Amino acid sequence: MNRAPTLHRLGIQAFEPVLIEGKAIQLHPLVCAAFNADFDGDQMAVHVPLSLEAQLEARVLMMSTNNVLSPANGAPIIVPSQDMILGLYYTTIERKV
């Protein structure tokens, strides 16, 4: 899966597909930073590796679980956004009855 223009290695990544109803691609929120996805009409392309060699390369080198650090500086790419942190806090606070 990639989002044009692909300017760095993390702009194209491999995922294990989960089939859903509809015509939209669902993307896990933690990988949005790597794609610079902000959901304002972004278009993404899905590529299917056909040969066994391409499938192995995608699984070993391009799988999103293997690309959690920035190749430029080693900083984490997969980090929760403020919305996620606030949501987790809100769901775990103790409420008075």
N, C-alpha and C. Protein backbone atom coordinates (compact mmCIF):
# COMPACT_ATOMS: atom_id res chain seq x y z
N MET A 1 0.85 -1.15 0.00
CA MET A 1 0.00 0.00 0.00
C MET A 1 0.90 1.23 0.00
N ASN A 2 0.58 2.21 -0.83
CA ASN A 2 1.34 3.44 -0.79
C ASN A 2 0.45 4.64 -1.05
N ARG A 3 1.01 5.78 -0.69
CA ARG A 3 0.33 7.06 -0.95
C ARG A 3 1.31 7.92 -1.71
N ALA A 4 0.92 8.32 -2.90
CA ALA A 4 1.79 9.13 -3.74
C ALA A 4 1.82 10.56 -3.22
N PRO A 5 2.91 11.26 -3.34
CA PRO A 5 4.18 10.77 -3.85
C PRO A 5 4.94 10.01 -2.76
N THR A 6 5.57 8.92 -3.14
CA THR A 6 6.34 8.12 -2.20
C THR A 6 7.73 8.73 -2.11
N LEU A 7 7.98 9.47 -1.04
CA LEU A 7 9.23 10.21 -0.90
C LEU A 7 10.26 9.50 -0.02
N HIS A 8 9.84 8.50 0.73
CA HIS A 8 10.77 7.77 1.58
C HIS A 8 10.28 6.33 1.71
N ARG A 9 11.12 5.50 2.32
CA ARG A 9 10.84 4.06 2.40
C ARG A 9 9.52 3.75 3.10
N LEU A 10 9.14 4.56 4.05
CA LEU A 10 7.92 4.28 4.80
C LEU A 10 6.66 4.70 4.05
N GLY A 11 6.83 5.31 2.89
CA GLY A 11 5.68 5.71 2.08
C GLY A 11 5.01 4.56 1.37
N ILE A 12 5.66 3.39 1.36
CA ILE A 12 5.06 2.18 0.81
C ILE A 12 5.33 1.07 1.82
N GLN A 13 4.27 0.42 2.29
CA GLN A 13 4.39 -0.61 3.31
C GLN A 13 3.48 -1.78 2.98
N ALA A 14 3.79 -2.92 3.57
CA ALA A 14 2.99 -4.13 3.37
C ALA A 14 2.13 -4.38 4.61
N PHE A 15 0.95 -4.92 4.38
CA PHE A 15 0.01 -5.23 5.46
C PHE A 15 -0.64 -6.58 5.18
N GLU A 16 -1.14 -7.22 6.22
CA GLU A 16 -1.98 -8.41 6.06
C GLU A 16 -3.40 -7.91 5.81
N PRO A 17 -3.99 -8.24 4.69
CA PRO A 17 -5.31 -7.69 4.39
C PRO A 17 -6.42 -8.33 5.22
N VAL A 18 -7.41 -7.54 5.53
CA VAL A 18 -8.63 -7.99 6.18
C VAL A 18 -9.77 -7.50 5.30
N LEU A 19 -10.51 -8.41 4.71
CA LEU A 19 -11.58 -8.03 3.79
C LEU A 19 -12.78 -7.49 4.56
N ILE A 20 -13.32 -6.39 4.04
CA ILE A 20 -14.49 -5.75 4.65
C ILE A 20 -15.50 -5.44 3.55
N GLU A 21 -16.70 -5.10 3.95
CA GLU A 21 -17.72 -4.66 2.99
C GLU A 21 -17.45 -3.21 2.61
N GLY A 22 -17.74 -2.85 1.40
CA GLY A 22 -17.60 -1.47 0.98
C GLY A 22 -16.40 -1.24 0.10
N LYS A 23 -16.23 0.02 -0.29
CA LYS A 23 -15.17 0.37 -1.22
C LYS A 23 -14.05 1.19 -0.58
N ALA A 24 -14.02 1.30 0.72
CA ALA A 24 -13.00 2.09 1.41
C ALA A 24 -11.89 1.19 1.93
N ILE A 25 -10.73 1.76 2.06
CA ILE A 25 -9.59 1.08 2.68
C ILE A 25 -9.52 1.56 4.12
N GLN A 26 -9.52 0.63 5.05
CA GLN A 26 -9.38 1.00 6.45
C GLN A 26 -7.91 0.91 6.82
N LEU A 27 -7.41 1.95 7.46
CA LEU A 27 -6.00 2.05 7.81
C LEU A 27 -5.88 2.22 9.31
N HIS A 28 -4.98 1.45 9.92
CA HIS A 28 -4.79 1.57 11.36
C HIS A 28 -4.23 2.95 11.68
N PRO A 29 -4.76 3.62 12.70
CA PRO A 29 -4.34 4.99 13.00
C PRO A 29 -2.85 5.14 13.32
N LEU A 30 -2.20 4.09 13.83
CA LEU A 30 -0.80 4.22 14.19
C LEU A 30 0.14 4.33 13.00
N VAL A 31 -0.29 3.91 11.81
CA VAL A 31 0.59 4.00 10.64
C VAL A 31 0.31 5.24 9.80
N CYS A 32 -0.60 6.07 10.24
CA CYS A 32 -0.95 7.27 9.46
C CYS A 32 0.22 8.24 9.32
N ALA A 33 1.05 8.37 10.34
CA ALA A 33 2.18 9.31 10.28
C ALA A 33 3.16 8.94 9.18
N ALA A 34 3.42 7.66 8.99
CA ALA A 34 4.36 7.23 7.95
C ALA A 34 3.86 7.59 6.56
N PHE A 35 2.56 7.53 6.36
CA PHE A 35 1.97 7.85 5.06
C PHE A 35 1.60 9.33 4.95
N ASN A 36 1.75 10.08 6.03
CA ASN A 36 1.28 11.46 6.08
C ASN A 36 -0.21 11.53 5.72
N ALA A 37 -0.95 10.56 6.20
CA ALA A 37 -2.39 10.47 5.91
C ALA A 37 -3.15 11.34 6.90
N ASP A 38 -3.97 12.23 6.37
CA ASP A 38 -4.76 13.10 7.23
C ASP A 38 -6.25 13.04 6.91
N PHE A 39 -6.64 12.15 6.04
CA PHE A 39 -8.05 11.84 5.75
C PHE A 39 -8.85 13.04 5.27
N ASP A 40 -8.24 13.83 4.42
CA ASP A 40 -8.95 14.94 3.81
C ASP A 40 -9.12 14.72 2.31
N GLY A 41 -9.31 13.47 1.94
CA GLY A 41 -9.46 13.12 0.53
C GLY A 41 -8.22 12.44 -0.03
N ASP A 42 -7.34 11.98 0.84
CA ASP A 42 -6.13 11.30 0.39
C ASP A 42 -6.49 10.06 -0.41
N GLN A 43 -5.68 9.77 -1.42
CA GLN A 43 -5.85 8.55 -2.20
C GLN A 43 -4.66 7.65 -1.94
N MET A 44 -4.94 6.37 -1.77
CA MET A 44 -3.89 5.39 -1.56
C MET A 44 -4.03 4.30 -2.59
N ALA A 45 -2.91 3.67 -2.93
CA ALA A 45 -2.91 2.61 -3.92
C ALA A 45 -2.60 1.28 -3.25
N VAL A 46 -3.26 0.25 -3.70
CA VAL A 46 -3.01 -1.10 -3.19
C VAL A 46 -2.29 -1.88 -4.28
N HIS A 47 -1.15 -2.45 -3.92
CA HIS A 47 -0.37 -3.26 -4.85
C HIS A 47 -0.32 -4.67 -4.30
N VAL A 48 -0.47 -5.65 -5.17
CA VAL A 48 -0.45 -7.05 -4.76
C VAL A 48 0.81 -7.70 -5.31
N PRO A 49 1.73 -8.16 -4.45
CA PRO A 49 2.93 -8.85 -4.94
C PRO A 49 2.54 -10.22 -5.49
N LEU A 50 2.91 -10.47 -6.73
CA LEU A 50 2.47 -11.70 -7.40
C LEU A 50 3.45 -12.85 -7.25
N SER A 51 4.73 -12.61 -7.46
CA SER A 51 5.70 -13.71 -7.41
C SER A 51 6.01 -14.06 -5.95
N LEU A 52 6.52 -15.25 -5.74
CA LEU A 52 6.90 -15.67 -4.39
C LEU A 52 8.02 -14.78 -3.84
N GLU A 53 8.94 -14.40 -4.72
CA GLU A 53 10.04 -13.53 -4.31
C GLU A 53 9.51 -12.16 -3.84
N ALA A 54 8.55 -11.61 -4.58
CA ALA A 54 7.96 -10.33 -4.20
C ALA A 54 7.17 -10.45 -2.90
N GLN A 55 6.48 -11.55 -2.71
CA GLN A 55 5.72 -11.76 -1.47
C GLN A 55 6.65 -11.86 -0.28
N LEU A 56 7.78 -12.56 -0.45
CA LEU A 56 8.75 -12.69 0.63
C LEU A 56 9.39 -11.34 0.95
N GLU A 57 9.73 -10.59 -0.09
CA GLU A 57 10.30 -9.26 0.11
C GLU A 57 9.32 -8.34 0.84
N ALA A 58 8.06 -8.39 0.47
CA ALA A 58 7.06 -7.57 1.14
C ALA A 58 6.92 -7.97 2.60
N ARG A 59 6.92 -9.27 2.87
CA ARG A 59 6.74 -9.75 4.24
C ARG A 59 7.94 -9.42 5.13
N VAL A 60 9.15 -9.52 4.58
CA VAL A 60 10.36 -9.32 5.39
C VAL A 60 10.76 -7.85 5.48
N LEU A 61 10.74 -7.14 4.36
CA LEU A 61 11.27 -5.78 4.33
C LEU A 61 10.22 -4.69 4.48
N MET A 62 9.02 -4.94 3.99
CA MET A 62 8.03 -3.87 3.88
C MET A 62 6.87 -3.97 4.86
N MET A 63 6.79 -5.03 5.64
CA MET A 63 5.68 -5.20 6.57
C MET A 63 5.69 -4.07 7.60
N SER A 64 4.55 -3.51 7.86
CA SER A 64 4.46 -2.35 8.75
C SER A 64 4.99 -2.65 10.15
N THR A 65 4.87 -3.89 10.59
CA THR A 65 5.37 -4.26 11.92
C THR A 65 6.89 -4.24 11.98
N ASN A 66 7.56 -4.27 10.82
CA ASN A 66 9.02 -4.21 10.77
C ASN A 66 9.52 -2.79 10.55
N ASN A 67 8.63 -1.84 10.40
CA ASN A 67 9.01 -0.46 10.11
C ASN A 67 8.44 0.48 11.16
N VAL A 68 8.88 0.31 12.39
CA VAL A 68 8.35 1.13 13.49
C VAL A 68 9.28 2.30 13.83
N LEU A 69 10.51 2.27 13.29
CA LEU A 69 11.47 3.34 13.56
C LEU A 69 11.81 4.07 12.27
N SER A 70 12.07 5.35 12.37
CA SER A 70 12.43 6.16 11.21
C SER A 70 13.80 5.75 10.70
N PRO A 71 13.94 5.50 9.40
CA PRO A 71 15.27 5.17 8.87
C PRO A 71 16.22 6.37 8.95
N ALA A 72 15.70 7.58 9.02
CA ALA A 72 16.54 8.77 9.04
C ALA A 72 17.24 8.98 10.39
N ASN A 73 16.49 8.79 11.49
CA ASN A 73 17.08 9.11 12.80
C ASN A 73 16.80 8.09 13.89
N GLY A 74 16.08 7.02 13.59
CA GLY A 74 15.81 5.98 14.57
C GLY A 74 14.70 6.31 15.55
N ALA A 75 14.02 7.43 15.36
CA ALA A 75 12.92 7.81 16.24
C ALA A 75 11.69 6.96 15.92
N PRO A 76 10.85 6.70 16.90
CA PRO A 76 9.64 5.91 16.63
C PRO A 76 8.71 6.61 15.65
N ILE A 77 8.20 5.85 14.70
CA ILE A 77 7.24 6.36 13.73
C ILE A 77 5.83 6.05 14.21
N ILE A 78 5.66 4.88 14.80
CA ILE A 78 4.34 4.43 15.24
C ILE A 78 4.14 4.90 16.67
N VAL A 79 3.49 6.05 16.81
CA VAL A 79 3.21 6.62 18.12
C VAL A 79 1.75 7.03 18.18
N PRO A 80 1.14 6.90 19.34
CA PRO A 80 -0.27 7.29 19.44
C PRO A 80 -0.44 8.80 19.34
N SER A 81 -1.52 9.21 18.72
CA SER A 81 -1.83 10.64 18.59
C SER A 81 -2.46 11.15 19.88
N GLN A 82 -2.61 12.45 19.98
CA GLN A 82 -3.24 13.03 21.16
C GLN A 82 -4.68 12.55 21.30
N ASP A 83 -5.36 12.34 20.18
CA ASP A 83 -6.74 11.84 20.23
C ASP A 83 -6.80 10.47 20.88
N MET A 84 -5.84 9.60 20.54
CA MET A 84 -5.82 8.25 21.12
C MET A 84 -5.52 8.31 22.61
N ILE A 85 -4.56 9.13 22.98
CA ILE A 85 -4.19 9.24 24.39
C ILE A 85 -5.36 9.79 25.21
N LEU A 86 -6.00 10.83 24.70
CA LEU A 86 -7.16 11.40 25.39
C LEU A 86 -8.29 10.38 25.48
N GLY A 87 -8.54 9.63 24.41
CA GLY A 87 -9.58 8.61 24.42
C GLY A 87 -9.30 7.51 25.43
N LEU A 88 -8.05 7.06 25.50
CA LEU A 88 -7.69 6.04 26.48
C LEU A 88 -7.85 6.57 27.90
N TYR A 89 -7.44 7.80 28.12
CA TYR A 89 -7.61 8.40 29.44
C TYR A 89 -9.09 8.47 29.80
N TYR A 90 -9.90 8.95 28.86
CA TYR A 90 -11.33 9.12 29.13
C TYR A 90 -12.01 7.79 29.43
N THR A 91 -11.63 6.73 28.73
CA THR A 91 -12.27 5.42 28.96
C THR A 91 -11.81 4.76 30.25
N THR A 92 -10.69 5.22 30.81
CA THR A 92 -10.18 4.56 32.02
C THR A 92 -10.33 5.39 33.29
N ILE A 93 -10.85 6.62 33.19
CA ILE A 93 -11.00 7.40 34.42
C ILE A 93 -12.12 6.81 35.27
N GLU A 94 -11.95 6.98 36.56
CA GLU A 94 -12.96 6.48 37.49
C GLU A 94 -14.08 7.50 37.59
N ARG A 95 -15.28 7.06 37.36
CA ARG A 95 -16.44 7.96 37.38
C ARG A 95 -17.20 7.82 38.70
N LYS A 96 -17.66 8.95 39.21
CA LYS A 96 -18.45 8.93 40.44
C LYS A 96 -19.89 8.65 40.07
N VAL A 97 -20.53 7.79 40.83
CA VAL A 97 -21.92 7.42 40.56
C VAL A 97 -22.87 8.29 41.32
